[in-house]
């Protein structure tokens, strides 16, 4: 995002220093306060933004849950109920 109007540009040396410090175990919050760089910029430099986006983009399962009735009586009960619903609908 750097390069847009109003966005600060950071030198490659600064980026490398921040990335190196992060890999050595310094937290993003402390790096942000120390260098005056936004947390989001540091996350994008370290490749963490993609991981966060991927975690939130997990697809949800589609369709009905796969539950098998245990007994024949349960199957008959469900089919009877579905038939009654269809009769009432028509």
N, C-alpha and C. Protein backbone atom coordinates (compact mmCIF):
# COMPACT_ATOMS: atom_id res chain seq x y z
N UNK A 1 0.82 -1.18 0.00
CA UNK A 1 0.00 0.00 0.00
C UNK A 1 0.86 1.25 0.00
N UNK A 2 2.14 1.09 0.30
CA UNK A 2 2.97 2.28 0.30
C UNK A 2 3.07 2.79 -1.13
N UNK A 3 3.20 4.07 -1.26
CA UNK A 3 3.25 4.66 -2.58
C UNK A 3 1.99 5.44 -2.89
N UNK A 4 0.93 5.17 -2.16
CA UNK A 4 -0.29 5.94 -2.35
C UNK A 4 -0.11 7.32 -1.73
N UNK A 5 -0.89 8.23 -2.16
CA UNK A 5 -0.80 9.58 -1.64
C UNK A 5 -1.04 9.58 -0.13
N UNK A 6 -0.11 10.17 0.60
CA UNK A 6 -0.26 10.25 2.04
C UNK A 6 0.30 9.07 2.80
N UNK A 7 0.71 8.02 2.11
CA UNK A 7 1.26 6.84 2.77
C UNK A 7 2.78 6.98 2.86
N UNK A 8 3.36 6.75 4.04
CA UNK A 8 4.82 6.87 4.15
C UNK A 8 5.51 5.72 3.42
N UNK A 9 6.67 6.00 2.85
CA UNK A 9 7.48 4.97 2.21
C UNK A 9 8.65 4.67 3.13
N UNK A 10 8.93 3.40 3.28
CA UNK A 10 10.02 2.99 4.15
C UNK A 10 11.13 2.38 3.30
N UNK A 11 12.36 2.60 3.69
CA UNK A 11 13.49 2.06 2.93
C UNK A 11 13.55 0.54 3.11
N UNK A 12 14.24 -0.09 2.17
CA UNK A 12 14.40 -1.54 2.24
C UNK A 12 15.19 -1.93 3.49
N UNK A 13 16.12 -1.09 3.89
CA UNK A 13 16.90 -1.37 5.10
C UNK A 13 16.01 -1.42 6.33
N UNK A 14 15.07 -0.47 6.41
CA UNK A 14 14.14 -0.44 7.55
C UNK A 14 13.27 -1.70 7.55
N UNK A 15 12.78 -2.05 6.38
CA UNK A 15 11.94 -3.25 6.27
C UNK A 15 12.71 -4.49 6.71
N UNK A 16 13.95 -4.62 6.22
CA UNK A 16 14.75 -5.80 6.58
C UNK A 16 15.05 -5.83 8.07
N UNK A 17 15.32 -4.66 8.66
CA UNK A 17 15.59 -4.59 10.09
C UNK A 17 14.38 -5.04 10.90
N UNK A 18 13.20 -4.57 10.50
CA UNK A 18 11.97 -4.93 11.21
C UNK A 18 11.67 -6.42 11.05
N UNK A 19 11.83 -6.94 9.84
CA UNK A 19 11.56 -8.36 9.59
C UNK A 19 12.53 -9.22 10.39
N UNK A 20 13.81 -8.84 10.42
CA UNK A 20 14.81 -9.59 11.17
C UNK A 20 14.47 -9.59 12.66
N UNK A 21 14.06 -8.44 13.18
CA UNK A 21 13.69 -8.35 14.60
C UNK A 21 12.47 -9.21 14.90
N UNK A 22 11.50 -9.21 13.98
CA UNK A 22 10.30 -10.04 14.18
C UNK A 22 10.67 -11.52 14.22
N UNK A 23 11.55 -11.94 13.33
CA UNK A 23 11.94 -13.35 13.29
C UNK A 23 12.75 -13.76 14.51
N UNK A 24 13.35 -12.78 15.18
CA UNK A 24 14.09 -13.07 16.41
C UNK A 24 13.18 -13.11 17.63
N UNK A 25 11.89 -12.81 17.44
CA UNK A 25 10.93 -12.97 18.52
C UNK A 25 10.37 -11.68 19.09
N UNK A 26 10.69 -10.54 18.49
CA UNK A 26 10.15 -9.27 18.98
C UNK A 26 8.70 -9.16 18.50
N UNK A 27 7.81 -8.71 19.37
CA UNK A 27 6.39 -8.65 19.01
C UNK A 27 6.12 -7.53 18.01
N UNK A 28 5.05 -7.69 17.28
CA UNK A 28 4.67 -6.69 16.28
C UNK A 28 4.30 -5.37 16.95
N UNK A 29 3.62 -5.44 18.09
CA UNK A 29 3.26 -4.22 18.80
C UNK A 29 4.48 -3.41 19.21
N UNK A 30 5.48 -4.07 19.75
CA UNK A 30 6.67 -3.34 20.18
C UNK A 30 7.44 -2.79 18.99
N UNK A 31 7.50 -3.54 17.88
CA UNK A 31 8.14 -3.03 16.67
C UNK A 31 7.41 -1.80 16.14
N UNK A 32 6.09 -1.86 16.20
CA UNK A 32 5.28 -0.74 15.72
C UNK A 32 5.56 0.52 16.54
N UNK A 33 5.65 0.36 17.85
CA UNK A 33 5.91 1.51 18.72
C UNK A 33 7.35 2.01 18.55
N UNK A 34 8.29 1.11 18.41
CA UNK A 34 9.69 1.49 18.31
C UNK A 34 9.98 2.26 17.03
N UNK A 35 9.50 1.74 15.90
CA UNK A 35 9.83 2.33 14.61
C UNK A 35 8.77 3.30 14.10
N UNK A 36 7.63 3.36 14.75
CA UNK A 36 6.56 4.26 14.30
C UNK A 36 5.90 3.79 13.01
N UNK A 37 5.84 2.48 12.83
CA UNK A 37 5.26 1.87 11.63
C UNK A 37 3.99 1.16 12.05
N UNK A 38 2.97 1.21 11.20
CA UNK A 38 1.71 0.56 11.56
C UNK A 38 1.88 -0.95 11.66
N UNK A 39 1.08 -1.56 12.52
CA UNK A 39 1.11 -3.02 12.67
C UNK A 39 0.77 -3.72 11.37
N UNK A 40 -0.16 -3.13 10.62
CA UNK A 40 -0.59 -3.75 9.37
C UNK A 40 0.52 -3.77 8.34
N UNK A 41 1.35 -2.73 8.31
CA UNK A 41 2.49 -2.70 7.39
C UNK A 41 3.49 -3.79 7.77
N UNK A 42 3.75 -3.92 9.07
CA UNK A 42 4.70 -4.94 9.52
C UNK A 42 4.17 -6.34 9.21
N UNK A 43 2.88 -6.55 9.41
CA UNK A 43 2.28 -7.85 9.11
C UNK A 43 2.41 -8.17 7.63
N UNK A 44 2.21 -7.18 6.77
CA UNK A 44 2.30 -7.44 5.33
C UNK A 44 3.75 -7.71 4.94
N UNK A 45 4.71 -7.04 5.56
CA UNK A 45 6.11 -7.29 5.24
C UNK A 45 6.54 -8.69 5.66
N UNK A 46 6.02 -9.15 6.78
CA UNK A 46 6.40 -10.47 7.31
C UNK A 46 5.57 -11.60 6.71
N UNK A 47 4.63 -11.28 5.85
CA UNK A 47 3.79 -12.30 5.23
C UNK A 47 2.67 -12.78 6.11
N UNK A 48 2.36 -12.04 7.17
CA UNK A 48 1.32 -12.49 8.11
C UNK A 48 -0.07 -12.11 7.64
N UNK A 49 -0.21 -11.09 6.82
CA UNK A 49 -1.55 -10.67 6.37
C UNK A 49 -2.20 -11.78 5.55
N UNK A 50 -1.43 -12.46 4.73
CA UNK A 50 -2.00 -13.53 3.91
C UNK A 50 -2.47 -14.68 4.78
N UNK A 51 -1.69 -15.01 5.82
CA UNK A 51 -2.08 -16.09 6.73
C UNK A 51 -3.37 -15.74 7.46
N UNK A 52 -3.50 -14.49 7.89
CA UNK A 52 -4.71 -14.05 8.59
C UNK A 52 -5.90 -14.13 7.65
N UNK A 53 -5.74 -13.67 6.42
CA UNK A 53 -6.83 -13.70 5.45
C UNK A 53 -7.22 -15.13 5.13
N UNK A 54 -6.24 -16.02 5.01
CA UNK A 54 -6.55 -17.41 4.71
C UNK A 54 -7.29 -18.08 5.85
N UNK A 55 -6.92 -17.74 7.08
CA UNK A 55 -7.62 -18.33 8.22
C UNK A 55 -9.08 -17.94 8.24
N UNK A 56 -9.38 -16.71 7.86
CA UNK A 56 -10.77 -16.25 7.89
C UNK A 56 -11.54 -16.64 6.65
N UNK A 57 -10.88 -17.13 5.64
CA UNK A 57 -11.54 -17.45 4.39
C UNK A 57 -11.83 -18.95 4.26
N UNK A 58 -11.79 -19.68 5.36
CA UNK A 58 -12.05 -21.11 5.29
C UNK A 58 -13.50 -21.35 4.87
N UNK A 59 -13.71 -22.22 3.87
CA UNK A 59 -15.07 -22.45 3.40
C UNK A 59 -15.91 -23.21 4.43
N UNK A 60 -17.17 -22.87 4.47
CA UNK A 60 -18.09 -23.55 5.37
C UNK A 60 -18.63 -24.80 4.67
N UNK A 61 -18.92 -25.84 5.41
CA UNK A 61 -19.48 -27.04 4.79
C UNK A 61 -20.87 -26.75 4.24
N UNK A 62 -21.18 -27.34 3.09
CA UNK A 62 -22.46 -27.10 2.45
C UNK A 62 -23.37 -28.31 2.63
N UNK A 63 -24.66 -28.05 2.57
CA UNK A 63 -25.62 -29.13 2.64
C UNK A 63 -25.97 -29.55 4.05
N UNK A 64 -26.76 -30.58 4.12
CA UNK A 64 -27.17 -31.10 5.41
C UNK A 64 -26.06 -31.93 6.02
N UNK A 65 -25.99 -31.97 7.34
CA UNK A 65 -24.97 -32.81 7.97
C UNK A 65 -25.22 -34.28 7.65
N UNK A 66 -24.18 -35.02 7.54
CA UNK A 66 -24.28 -36.45 7.22
C UNK A 66 -24.57 -37.24 8.49
N UNK A 67 -25.86 -37.45 8.75
CA UNK A 67 -26.27 -38.23 9.92
C UNK A 67 -27.08 -39.42 9.44
N UNK A 68 -26.64 -40.60 9.77
CA UNK A 68 -27.36 -41.81 9.37
C UNK A 68 -28.26 -42.25 10.51
N UNK A 69 -29.54 -42.48 10.22
CA UNK A 69 -30.43 -43.00 11.26
C UNK A 69 -29.92 -44.36 11.74
N UNK A 70 -30.07 -44.60 13.01
CA UNK A 70 -29.51 -45.83 13.58
C UNK A 70 -30.43 -47.02 13.37
N UNK A 71 -31.73 -46.80 13.40
CA UNK A 71 -32.63 -47.95 13.33
C UNK A 71 -33.61 -47.79 12.18
N UNK A 72 -34.23 -48.89 11.83
CA UNK A 72 -35.23 -48.88 10.76
C UNK A 72 -36.46 -48.08 11.20
N UNK A 73 -36.77 -48.08 12.49
CA UNK A 73 -37.91 -47.33 12.99
C UNK A 73 -37.71 -45.84 12.79
N UNK A 74 -36.49 -45.36 12.97
CA UNK A 74 -36.22 -43.94 12.76
C UNK A 74 -36.36 -43.57 11.28
N UNK A 75 -35.93 -44.47 10.41
CA UNK A 75 -36.06 -44.22 8.97
C UNK A 75 -37.53 -44.12 8.59
N UNK A 76 -38.35 -45.05 9.06
CA UNK A 76 -39.77 -45.06 8.75
C UNK A 76 -40.44 -43.81 9.29
N UNK A 77 -40.07 -43.40 10.50
CA UNK A 77 -40.65 -42.20 11.11
C UNK A 77 -40.33 -40.95 10.29
N UNK A 78 -39.07 -40.83 9.84
CA UNK A 78 -38.67 -39.67 9.05
C UNK A 78 -39.38 -39.65 7.71
N UNK A 79 -39.47 -40.80 7.03
CA UNK A 79 -40.13 -40.86 5.74
C UNK A 79 -41.63 -40.56 5.85
N UNK A 80 -42.25 -41.04 6.91
CA UNK A 80 -43.65 -40.75 7.15
C UNK A 80 -43.86 -39.24 7.34
N UNK A 81 -43.00 -38.62 8.12
CA UNK A 81 -43.10 -37.19 8.34
C UNK A 81 -42.92 -36.42 7.03
N UNK A 82 -41.93 -36.81 6.21
CA UNK A 82 -41.70 -36.14 4.93
C UNK A 82 -42.90 -36.30 4.00
N UNK A 83 -43.50 -37.49 3.98
CA UNK A 83 -44.69 -37.71 3.14
C UNK A 83 -45.85 -36.83 3.58
N UNK A 84 -46.06 -36.70 4.89
CA UNK A 84 -47.14 -35.84 5.40
C UNK A 84 -46.90 -34.39 5.02
N UNK A 85 -45.66 -33.95 5.14
CA UNK A 85 -45.34 -32.57 4.76
C UNK A 85 -45.60 -32.33 3.28
N UNK A 86 -45.22 -33.29 2.45
CA UNK A 86 -45.47 -33.14 1.01
C UNK A 86 -46.96 -33.14 0.67
N UNK A 87 -47.73 -34.01 1.35
CA UNK A 87 -49.19 -34.03 1.13
C UNK A 87 -49.81 -32.69 1.51
N UNK A 88 -49.40 -32.14 2.65
CA UNK A 88 -49.95 -30.88 3.12
C UNK A 88 -49.53 -29.73 2.20
N UNK A 89 -48.37 -29.82 1.62
CA UNK A 89 -47.89 -28.75 0.74
C UNK A 89 -48.69 -28.72 -0.55
N UNK A 90 -49.02 -29.89 -1.09
CA UNK A 90 -49.77 -29.95 -2.35
C UNK A 90 -51.23 -29.78 -2.05
